[in-house]
All heavy atoms as atom14 arrays in JSON, in Angstrom:
{
  "sequence": "VMYVSPGSGHPVEVQKIVSLFYSVITPLCNPLIYSLRNKEMKAA",
  "atom14_mask": [
    [1, 1, 1, 1, 1, 1, 1, 0, 0, 0, 0, 0, 0, 0],
    [1, 1, 1, 1, 1, 1, 1, 1, 0, 0, 0, 0, 0, 0],
    [1, 1, 1, 1, 1, 1, 1, 1, 1, 1, 1, 1, 0, 0],
    [1, 1, 1, 1, 1, 1, 1, 0, 0, 0, 0, 0, 0, 0],
    [1, 1, 1, 1, 1, 1, 0, 0, 0, 0, 0, 0, 0, 0],
    [1, 1, 1, 1, 1, 1, 1, 0, 0, 0, 0, 0, 0, 0],
    [1, 1, 1, 1, 0, 0, 0, 0, 0, 0, 0, 0, 0, 0],
    [1, 1, 1, 1, 1, 1, 0, 0, 0, 0, 0, 0, 0, 0],
    [1, 1, 1, 1, 0, 0, 0, 0, 0, 0, 0, 0, 0, 0],
    [1, 1, 1, 1, 1, 1, 1, 1, 1, 1, 0, 0, 0, 0],
    [1, 1, 1, 1, 1, 1, 1, 0, 0, 0, 0, 0, 0, 0],
    [1, 1, 1, 1, 1, 1, 1, 0, 0, 0, 0, 0, 0, 0],
    [1, 1, 1, 1, 1, 1, 1, 1, 1, 0, 0, 0, 0, 0],
    [1, 1, 1, 1, 1, 1, 1, 0, 0, 0, 0, 0, 0, 0],
    [1, 1, 1, 1, 1, 1, 1, 1, 1, 0, 0, 0, 0, 0],
    [1, 1, 1, 1, 1, 1, 1, 1, 1, 0, 0, 0, 0, 0],
    [1, 1, 1, 1, 1, 1, 1, 1, 0, 0, 0, 0, 0, 0],
    [1, 1, 1, 1, 1, 1, 1, 0, 0, 0, 0, 0, 0, 0],
    [1, 1, 1, 1, 1, 1, 0, 0, 0, 0, 0, 0, 0, 0],
    [1, 1, 1, 1, 1, 1, 1, 1, 0, 0, 0, 0, 0, 0],
    [1, 1, 1, 1, 1, 1, 1, 1, 1, 1, 1, 0, 0, 0],
    [1, 1, 1, 1, 1, 1, 1, 1, 1, 1, 1, 1, 0, 0],
    [1, 1, 1, 1, 1, 1, 0, 0, 0, 0, 0, 0, 0, 0],
    [1, 1, 1, 1, 1, 1, 1, 0, 0, 0, 0, 0, 0, 0],
    [1, 1, 1, 1, 1, 1, 1, 1, 0, 0, 0, 0, 0, 0],
    [1, 1, 1, 1, 1, 1, 1, 0, 0, 0, 0, 0, 0, 0],
    [1, 1, 1, 1, 1, 1, 1, 0, 0, 0, 0, 0, 0, 0],
    [1, 1, 1, 1, 1, 1, 1, 1, 0, 0, 0, 0, 0, 0],
    [1, 1, 1, 1, 1, 1, 0, 0, 0, 0, 0, 0, 0, 0],
    [1, 1, 1, 1, 1, 1, 1, 1, 0, 0, 0, 0, 0, 0],
    [1, 1, 1, 1, 1, 1, 1, 0, 0, 0, 0, 0, 0, 0],
    [1, 1, 1, 1, 1, 1, 1, 1, 0, 0, 0, 0, 0, 0],
    [1, 1, 1, 1, 1, 1, 1, 1, 0, 0, 0, 0, 0, 0],
    [1, 1, 1, 1, 1, 1, 1, 1, 1, 1, 1, 1, 0, 0],
    [1, 1, 1, 1, 1, 1, 0, 0, 0, 0, 0, 0, 0, 0],
    [1, 1, 1, 1, 1, 1, 1, 1, 0, 0, 0, 0, 0, 0],
    [1, 1, 1, 1, 1, 1, 1, 1, 1, 1, 1, 0, 0, 0],
    [1, 1, 1, 1, 1, 1, 1, 1, 0, 0, 0, 0, 0, 0],
    [1, 1, 1, 1, 1, 1, 1, 1, 1, 0, 0, 0, 0, 0],
    [1, 1, 1, 1, 1, 1, 1, 1, 1, 0, 0, 0, 0, 0],
    [1, 1, 1, 1, 1, 1, 1, 1, 0, 0, 0, 0, 0, 0],
    [1, 1, 1, 1, 1, 1, 1, 1, 1, 0, 0, 0, 0, 0],
    [1, 1, 1, 1, 1, 0, 0, 0, 0, 0, 0, 0, 0, 0],
    [1, 1, 1, 1, 1, 0, 0, 0, 0, 0, 0, 0, 0, 0]
  ],
  "atom14_positions": [
    [[3.98, 5.87, -3.15], [5.27, 6.47, -3.21], [5.63, 6.98, -4.65], [6.22, 8.03, -4.83], [6.36, 5.43, -2.74], [7.77, 5.96, -3.05], [6.24, 5.2, -1.28], [0.0, 0.0, 0.0], [0.0, 0.0, 0.0], [0.0, 0.0, 0.0], [0.0, 0.0, 0.0], [0.0, 0.0, 0.0], [0.0, 0.0, 0.0], [0.0, 0.0, 0.0]],
    [[5.14, 6.17, -5.63], [5.53, 6.45, -7.03], [4.64, 7.42, -7.76], [5.09, 8.29, -8.49], [5.55, 5.11, -7.8], [6.8, 4.27, -7.5], [8.3, 5.01, -7.96], [8.08, 5.13, -9.75], [0.0, 0.0, 0.0], [0.0, 0.0, 0.0], [0.0, 0.0, 0.0], [0.0, 0.0, 0.0], [0.0, 0.0, 0.0], [0.0, 0.0, 0.0]],
    [[3.32, 7.28, -7.6], [2.41, 7.82, -8.58], [1.52, 9.0, -8.03], [0.79, 9.57, -8.85], [1.54, 6.8, -9.18], [2.39, 5.77, -10.01], [2.53, 4.52, -9.54], [3.02, 6.2, -11.16], [3.35, 3.6, -10.26], [3.84, 5.32, -11.85], [3.96, 4.07, -11.4], [4.76, 3.16, -12.09], [0.0, 0.0, 0.0], [0.0, 0.0, 0.0]],
    [[1.48, 9.26, -6.77], [0.72, 10.41, -6.33], [1.35, 11.72, -6.81], [0.73, 12.66, -7.15], [0.51, 10.4, -4.8], [-0.14, 11.7, -4.33], [-0.36, 9.22, -4.4], [0.0, 0.0, 0.0], [0.0, 0.0, 0.0], [0.0, 0.0, 0.0], [0.0, 0.0, 0.0], [0.0, 0.0, 0.0], [0.0, 0.0, 0.0], [0.0, 0.0, 0.0]],
    [[2.7, 11.72, -6.82], [3.4, 12.9, -7.28], [4.53, 12.53, -8.25], [5.65, 12.36, -7.85], [4.01, 13.64, -6.09], [4.8, 12.78, -5.28], [0.0, 0.0, 0.0], [0.0, 0.0, 0.0], [0.0, 0.0, 0.0], [0.0, 0.0, 0.0], [0.0, 0.0, 0.0], [0.0, 0.0, 0.0], [0.0, 0.0, 0.0], [0.0, 0.0, 0.0]],
    [[4.2, 12.25, -9.53], [5.23, 11.74, -10.44], [6.31, 12.74, -10.72], [7.36, 12.36, -11.19], [4.4, 11.42, -11.73], [3.17, 12.29, -11.61], [2.86, 12.38, -10.16], [0.0, 0.0, 0.0], [0.0, 0.0, 0.0], [0.0, 0.0, 0.0], [0.0, 0.0, 0.0], [0.0, 0.0, 0.0], [0.0, 0.0, 0.0], [0.0, 0.0, 0.0]],
    [[6.08, 13.98, -10.46], [7.13, 14.95, -10.7], [8.02, 15.22, -9.5], [8.76, 16.17, -9.48], [0.0, 0.0, 0.0], [0.0, 0.0, 0.0], [0.0, 0.0, 0.0], [0.0, 0.0, 0.0], [0.0, 0.0, 0.0], [0.0, 0.0, 0.0], [0.0, 0.0, 0.0], [0.0, 0.0, 0.0], [0.0, 0.0, 0.0], [0.0, 0.0, 0.0]],
    [[7.97, 14.34, -8.48], [8.7, 14.61, -7.25], [10.13, 14.23, -7.38], [10.95, 14.46, -6.47], [8.09, 13.79, -6.09], [8.04, 12.44, -6.41], [0.0, 0.0, 0.0], [0.0, 0.0, 0.0], [0.0, 0.0, 0.0], [0.0, 0.0, 0.0], [0.0, 0.0, 0.0], [0.0, 0.0, 0.0], [0.0, 0.0, 0.0], [0.0, 0.0, 0.0]],
    [[10.62, 13.61, -8.45], [11.98, 13.4, -8.75], [12.63, 12.28, -7.96], [13.74, 12.42, -7.39], [0.0, 0.0, 0.0], [0.0, 0.0, 0.0], [0.0, 0.0, 0.0], [0.0, 0.0, 0.0], [0.0, 0.0, 0.0], [0.0, 0.0, 0.0], [0.0, 0.0, 0.0], [0.0, 0.0, 0.0], [0.0, 0.0, 0.0], [0.0, 0.0, 0.0]],
    [[12.02, 11.1, -7.9], [12.62, 9.91, -7.28], [13.8, 9.47, -8.11], [13.74, 9.51, -9.4], [11.64, 8.78, -7.18], [10.37, 9.13, -6.35], [10.41, 9.34, -5.04], [9.1, 9.32, -6.76], [9.16, 9.61, -4.65], [8.38, 9.6, -5.64], [0.0, 0.0, 0.0], [0.0, 0.0, 0.0], [0.0, 0.0, 0.0], [0.0, 0.0, 0.0]],
    [[14.92, 9.1, -7.52], [16.04, 8.51, -8.29], [15.55, 7.36, -9.17], [14.67, 6.57, -8.76], [17.03, 8.07, -7.21], [16.71, 8.88, -5.98], [15.2, 9.13, -6.08], [0.0, 0.0, 0.0], [0.0, 0.0, 0.0], [0.0, 0.0, 0.0], [0.0, 0.0, 0.0], [0.0, 0.0, 0.0], [0.0, 0.0, 0.0], [0.0, 0.0, 0.0]],
    [[16.17, 7.19, -10.33], [15.76, 6.17, -11.31], [15.8, 4.79, -10.67], [14.84, 3.98, -10.89], [16.63, 6.25, -12.61], [16.3, 5.11, -13.49], [16.49, 7.62, -13.28], [0.0, 0.0, 0.0], [0.0, 0.0, 0.0], [0.0, 0.0, 0.0], [0.0, 0.0, 0.0], [0.0, 0.0, 0.0], [0.0, 0.0, 0.0], [0.0, 0.0, 0.0]],
    [[16.88, 4.46, -10.02], [16.99, 3.1, -9.43], [15.91, 2.86, -8.38], [15.45, 1.76, -8.25], [18.42, 2.9, -8.82], [19.47, 2.92, -9.87], [19.26, 1.92, -11.02], [18.87, 0.78, -10.74], [19.47, 2.34, -12.18], [0.0, 0.0, 0.0], [0.0, 0.0, 0.0], [0.0, 0.0, 0.0], [0.0, 0.0, 0.0], [0.0, 0.0, 0.0]],
    [[15.59, 3.91, -7.65], [14.52, 3.78, -6.59], [13.19, 3.53, -7.32], [12.38, 2.66, -6.88], [14.45, 5.0, -5.7], [13.23, 4.96, -4.8], [15.7, 5.17, -4.89], [0.0, 0.0, 0.0], [0.0, 0.0, 0.0], [0.0, 0.0, 0.0], [0.0, 0.0, 0.0], [0.0, 0.0, 0.0], [0.0, 0.0, 0.0], [0.0, 0.0, 0.0]],
    [[12.94, 4.26, -8.43], [11.7, 4.03, -9.2], [11.61, 2.6, -9.64], [10.55, 1.94, -9.55], [11.65, 4.96, -10.43], [11.5, 6.42, -10.09], [11.45, 7.25, -11.32], [11.17, 6.76, -12.42], [11.79, 8.52, -11.18], [0.0, 0.0, 0.0], [0.0, 0.0, 0.0], [0.0, 0.0, 0.0], [0.0, 0.0, 0.0], [0.0, 0.0, 0.0]],
    [[12.7, 2.0, -10.16], [12.67, 0.65, -10.63], [12.41, -0.35, -9.52], [11.63, -1.33, -9.66], [13.98, 0.35, -11.32], [14.18, 1.02, -12.66], [15.36, 0.37, -13.38], [16.19, 1.37, -14.07], [17.38, 0.81, -14.73], [0.0, 0.0, 0.0], [0.0, 0.0, 0.0], [0.0, 0.0, 0.0], [0.0, 0.0, 0.0], [0.0, 0.0, 0.0]],
    [[13.04, -0.17, -8.39], [12.91, -1.1, -7.27], [11.48, -1.05, -6.71], [10.85, -2.04, -6.46], [13.91, -0.75, -6.14], [15.36, -1.08, -6.62], [13.65, -1.55, -4.87], [16.46, -0.6, -5.74], [0.0, 0.0, 0.0], [0.0, 0.0, 0.0], [0.0, 0.0, 0.0], [0.0, 0.0, 0.0], [0.0, 0.0, 0.0], [0.0, 0.0, 0.0]],
    [[10.96, 0.19, -6.55], [9.57, 0.3, -6.06], [8.54, -0.3, -7.06], [7.63, -1.05, -6.68], [9.23, 1.8, -5.8], [7.76, 1.92, -5.38], [10.11, 2.33, -4.68], [0.0, 0.0, 0.0], [0.0, 0.0, 0.0], [0.0, 0.0, 0.0], [0.0, 0.0, 0.0], [0.0, 0.0, 0.0], [0.0, 0.0, 0.0], [0.0, 0.0, 0.0]],
    [[8.83, -0.02, -8.34], [7.9, -0.62, -9.39], [8.02, -2.13, -9.38], [7.0, -2.86, -9.58], [8.33, -0.09, -10.77], [8.19, 1.28, -10.83], [0.0, 0.0, 0.0], [0.0, 0.0, 0.0], [0.0, 0.0, 0.0], [0.0, 0.0, 0.0], [0.0, 0.0, 0.0], [0.0, 0.0, 0.0], [0.0, 0.0, 0.0], [0.0, 0.0, 0.0]],
    [[9.25, -2.65, -9.16], [9.46, -4.1, -9.1], [8.71, -4.72, -7.94], [8.12, -5.8, -8.02], [10.93, -4.39, -8.99], [11.44, -5.81, -9.29], [11.19, -6.17, -10.73], [12.86, -5.92, -8.88], [0.0, 0.0, 0.0], [0.0, 0.0, 0.0], [0.0, 0.0, 0.0], [0.0, 0.0, 0.0], [0.0, 0.0, 0.0], [0.0, 0.0, 0.0]],
    [[8.64, -3.93, -6.85], [7.98, -4.39, -5.64], [6.51, -4.6, -5.87], [5.95, -5.67, -5.54], [8.23, -3.4, -4.47], [7.75, -3.9, -3.16], [8.57, -4.73, -2.39], [6.5, -3.54, -2.62], [8.19, -5.22, -1.15], [6.08, -4.01, -1.43], [6.92, -4.82, -0.67], [0.0, 0.0, 0.0], [0.0, 0.0, 0.0], [0.0, 0.0, 0.0]],
    [[5.81, -3.58, -6.43], [4.36, -3.73, -6.61], [3.94, -4.5, -7.86], [2.82, -4.99, -7.95], [3.65, -2.37, -6.54], [3.95, -1.42, -7.68], [3.38, -1.6, -8.94], [4.72, -0.29, -7.44], [3.63, -0.72, -9.96], [4.99, 0.6, -8.48], [4.44, 0.33, -9.74], [4.73, 1.2, -10.75], [0.0, 0.0, 0.0], [0.0, 0.0, 0.0]],
    [[4.86, -4.64, -8.82], [4.49, -5.37, -10.04], [4.92, -6.85, -9.99], [4.29, -7.66, -10.74], [5.19, -4.7, -11.26], [6.61, -4.77, -11.21], [0.0, 0.0, 0.0], [0.0, 0.0, 0.0], [0.0, 0.0, 0.0], [0.0, 0.0, 0.0], [0.0, 0.0, 0.0], [0.0, 0.0, 0.0], [0.0, 0.0, 0.0], [0.0, 0.0, 0.0]],
    [[5.87, -7.25, -9.18], [6.35, -8.63, -9.15], [6.25, -9.2, -7.77], [5.69, -10.32, -7.55], [7.8, -8.73, -9.68], [8.28, -10.18, -9.56], [7.89, -8.27, -11.12], [0.0, 0.0, 0.0], [0.0, 0.0, 0.0], [0.0, 0.0, 0.0], [0.0, 0.0, 0.0], [0.0, 0.0, 0.0], [0.0, 0.0, 0.0], [0.0, 0.0, 0.0]],
    [[6.77, -8.51, -6.74], [6.85, -9.06, -5.4], [5.52, -9.19, -4.75], [5.17, -10.24, -4.15], [7.83, -8.19, -4.51], [9.18, -8.06, -5.19], [7.96, -8.83, -3.13], [9.89, -9.35, -5.51], [0.0, 0.0, 0.0], [0.0, 0.0, 0.0], [0.0, 0.0, 0.0], [0.0, 0.0, 0.0], [0.0, 0.0, 0.0], [0.0, 0.0, 0.0]],
    [[4.69, -8.17, -4.87], [3.34, -8.15, -4.2], [2.49, -9.3, -4.77], [1.88, -10.06, -3.99], [2.61, -6.8, -4.34], [3.44, -5.81, -3.77], [1.29, -6.81, -3.68], [0.0, 0.0, 0.0], [0.0, 0.0, 0.0], [0.0, 0.0, 0.0], [0.0, 0.0, 0.0], [0.0, 0.0, 0.0], [0.0, 0.0, 0.0], [0.0, 0.0, 0.0]],
    [[2.34, -9.47, -6.1], [1.58, -10.61, -6.61], [2.11, -11.96, -6.16], [1.37, -12.93, -6.04], [1.65, -10.42, -8.12], [1.88, -9.02, -8.36], [2.79, -8.6, -7.22], [0.0, 0.0, 0.0], [0.0, 0.0, 0.0], [0.0, 0.0, 0.0], [0.0, 0.0, 0.0], [0.0, 0.0, 0.0], [0.0, 0.0, 0.0], [0.0, 0.0, 0.0]],
    [[3.43, -12.03, -5.93], [4.06, -13.26, -5.45], [3.67, -13.57, -4.01], [3.44, -14.68, -3.63], [5.58, -13.18, -5.62], [6.41, -14.34, -5.02], [6.11, -15.62, -5.76], [7.92, -14.03, -5.13], [0.0, 0.0, 0.0], [0.0, 0.0, 0.0], [0.0, 0.0, 0.0], [0.0, 0.0, 0.0], [0.0, 0.0, 0.0], [0.0, 0.0, 0.0]],
    [[3.63, -12.51, -3.18], [3.34, -12.68, -1.77], [1.88, -12.88, -1.44], [1.55, -13.56, -0.47], [3.83, -11.48, -1.0], [5.64, -11.22, -1.03], [0.0, 0.0, 0.0], [0.0, 0.0, 0.0], [0.0, 0.0, 0.0], [0.0, 0.0, 0.0], [0.0, 0.0, 0.0], [0.0, 0.0, 0.0], [0.0, 0.0, 0.0], [0.0, 0.0, 0.0]],
    [[0.96, -12.35, -2.27], [-0.44, -12.44, -1.95], [-0.97, -13.83, -1.74], [-1.73, -14.04, -0.79], [-1.24, -11.73, -3.05], [-1.12, -10.23, -2.98], [-0.54, -9.69, -2.02], [-1.64, -9.53, -3.98], [0.0, 0.0, 0.0], [0.0, 0.0, 0.0], [0.0, 0.0, 0.0], [0.0, 0.0, 0.0], [0.0, 0.0, 0.0], [0.0, 0.0, 0.0]],
    [[-0.66, -14.84, -2.58], [-1.18, -16.19, -2.26], [-0.71, -16.73, -0.93], [-1.44, -17.39, -0.22], [-0.6, -17.04, -3.42], [-0.33, -16.05, -4.51], [0.05, -14.81, -3.84], [0.0, 0.0, 0.0], [0.0, 0.0, 0.0], [0.0, 0.0, 0.0], [0.0, 0.0, 0.0], [0.0, 0.0, 0.0], [0.0, 0.0, 0.0], [0.0, 0.0, 0.0]],
    [[0.54, -16.42, -0.59], [1.06, -16.86, 0.72], [0.3, -16.18, 1.87], [-0.06, -16.82, 2.85], [2.54, -16.57, 0.83], [3.47, -17.32, -0.1], [4.9, -16.81, 0.0], [3.41, -18.8, 0.14], [0.0, 0.0, 0.0], [0.0, 0.0, 0.0], [0.0, 0.0, 0.0], [0.0, 0.0, 0.0], [0.0, 0.0, 0.0], [0.0, 0.0, 0.0]],
    [[0.07, -14.88, 1.7], [-0.61, -14.12, 2.78], [-2.0, -14.67, 2.98], [-2.51, -14.86, 4.11], [-0.64, -12.59, 2.42], [0.78, -12.05, 2.47], [-1.52, -11.86, 3.41], [0.9, -10.64, 1.9], [0.0, 0.0, 0.0], [0.0, 0.0, 0.0], [0.0, 0.0, 0.0], [0.0, 0.0, 0.0], [0.0, 0.0, 0.0], [0.0, 0.0, 0.0]],
    [[-2.74, -14.88, 1.88], [-4.14, -15.28, 1.99], [-4.29, -16.74, 2.4], [-5.24, -17.12, 3.1], [-4.84, -15.07, 0.65], [-5.3, -13.64, 0.44], [-4.81, -12.89, -0.62], [-6.23, -13.05, 1.27], [-5.17, -11.58, -0.79], [-6.61, -11.76, 1.13], [-6.11, -11.01, 0.06], [-6.51, -9.73, -0.08], [0.0, 0.0, 0.0], [0.0, 0.0, 0.0]],
    [[-3.38, -17.6, 1.97], [-3.58, -19.08, 2.24], [-3.03, -19.46, 3.63], [-3.63, -20.28, 4.32], [-2.9, -19.92, 1.17], [-1.5, -19.63, 1.07], [0.0, 0.0, 0.0], [0.0, 0.0, 0.0], [0.0, 0.0, 0.0], [0.0, 0.0, 0.0], [0.0, 0.0, 0.0], [0.0, 0.0, 0.0], [0.0, 0.0, 0.0], [0.0, 0.0, 0.0]],
    [[-1.88, -18.87, 4.04], [-1.29, -19.29, 5.29], [-2.11, -18.96, 6.49], [-2.04, -19.62, 7.53], [0.14, -18.7, 5.42], [1.15, -19.23, 4.4], [2.49, -18.55, 4.62], [1.33, -20.76, 4.59], [0.0, 0.0, 0.0], [0.0, 0.0, 0.0], [0.0, 0.0, 0.0], [0.0, 0.0, 0.0], [0.0, 0.0, 0.0], [0.0, 0.0, 0.0]],
    [[-2.9, -17.84, 6.38], [-3.69, -17.4, 7.57], [-5.16, -17.81, 7.49], [-5.94, -17.33, 8.23], [-3.59, -15.89, 7.67], [-2.24, -15.32, 7.92], [-2.27, -13.87, 8.22], [-3.06, -13.59, 9.39], [-2.57, -13.58, 10.67], [-1.33, -13.85, 10.88], [-3.41, -13.28, 11.66], [0.0, 0.0, 0.0], [0.0, 0.0, 0.0], [0.0, 0.0, 0.0]],
    [[-5.48, -18.7, 6.59], [-6.9, -19.07, 6.37], [-7.07, -20.59, 6.31], [-6.6, -21.24, 5.4], [-7.36, -18.45, 5.03], [-8.82, -18.49, 4.87], [-9.43, -19.57, 4.8], [-9.47, -17.32, 4.72], [0.0, 0.0, 0.0], [0.0, 0.0, 0.0], [0.0, 0.0, 0.0], [0.0, 0.0, 0.0], [0.0, 0.0, 0.0], [0.0, 0.0, 0.0]],
    [[-7.72, -21.1, 7.36], [-7.88, -22.54, 7.48], [-8.74, -23.11, 6.39], [-8.41, -24.17, 5.86], [-8.5, -22.86, 8.82], [-7.61, -22.55, 10.05], [-8.32, -22.92, 11.33], [-7.44, -22.59, 12.57], [-8.08, -22.9, 13.83], [0.0, 0.0, 0.0], [0.0, 0.0, 0.0], [0.0, 0.0, 0.0], [0.0, 0.0, 0.0], [0.0, 0.0, 0.0]],
    [[-9.79, -22.42, 6.01], [-10.68, -22.94, 4.92], [-9.93, -23.03, 3.63], [-10.07, -23.99, 2.86], [-11.94, -22.04, 4.77], [-12.87, -22.09, 5.93], [-12.55, -21.12, 7.06], [-11.46, -20.47, 6.98], [-13.29, -21.05, 8.04], [0.0, 0.0, 0.0], [0.0, 0.0, 0.0], [0.0, 0.0, 0.0], [0.0, 0.0, 0.0], [0.0, 0.0, 0.0]],
    [[-9.08, -21.96, 3.33], [-8.37, -21.98, 2.06], [-7.33, -23.11, 2.11], [-7.13, -23.79, 1.06], [-7.67, -20.63, 1.86], [-6.92, -20.54, 0.55], [-7.86, -20.9, -0.95], [-8.99, -19.51, -0.99], [0.0, 0.0, 0.0], [0.0, 0.0, 0.0], [0.0, 0.0, 0.0], [0.0, 0.0, 0.0], [0.0, 0.0, 0.0], [0.0, 0.0, 0.0]],
    [[-6.61, -23.28, 3.21], [-5.61, -24.34, 3.28], [-6.26, -25.7, 3.05], [-5.69, -26.59, 2.41], [-4.85, -24.26, 4.61], [-3.83, -23.14, 4.63], [-2.95, -23.26, 5.87], [-3.67, -22.88, 7.12], [-2.73, -22.8, 8.32], [0.0, 0.0, 0.0], [0.0, 0.0, 0.0], [0.0, 0.0, 0.0], [0.0, 0.0, 0.0], [0.0, 0.0, 0.0]],
    [[-7.41, -25.89, 3.7], [-8.12, -27.14, 3.55], [-8.55, -27.38, 2.12], [-8.44, -28.52, 1.62], [-9.32, -27.2, 4.47], [0.0, 0.0, 0.0], [0.0, 0.0, 0.0], [0.0, 0.0, 0.0], [0.0, 0.0, 0.0], [0.0, 0.0, 0.0], [0.0, 0.0, 0.0], [0.0, 0.0, 0.0], [0.0, 0.0, 0.0], [0.0, 0.0, 0.0]],
    [[-9.05, -26.34, 1.45], [-9.49, -26.46, 0.07], [-8.3, -26.74, -0.84], [-8.42, -27.59, -1.8], [-10.17, -25.17, -0.38], [0.0, 0.0, 0.0], [0.0, 0.0, 0.0], [0.0, 0.0, 0.0], [0.0, 0.0, 0.0], [0.0, 0.0, 0.0], [0.0, 0.0, 0.0], [0.0, 0.0, 0.0], [0.0, 0.0, 0.0], [0.0, 0.0, 0.0]]
  ]
}
């Protein structure tokens, strides 16, 4: 959404929220996604 077309004119607040999503929220969710659905990882 953000970087394929940087000149597409996204509103500033939208840019910040989207950037916050992939820079903070996604790394926070990844451990939950990988561990909750994986029996071997949960056991380890």
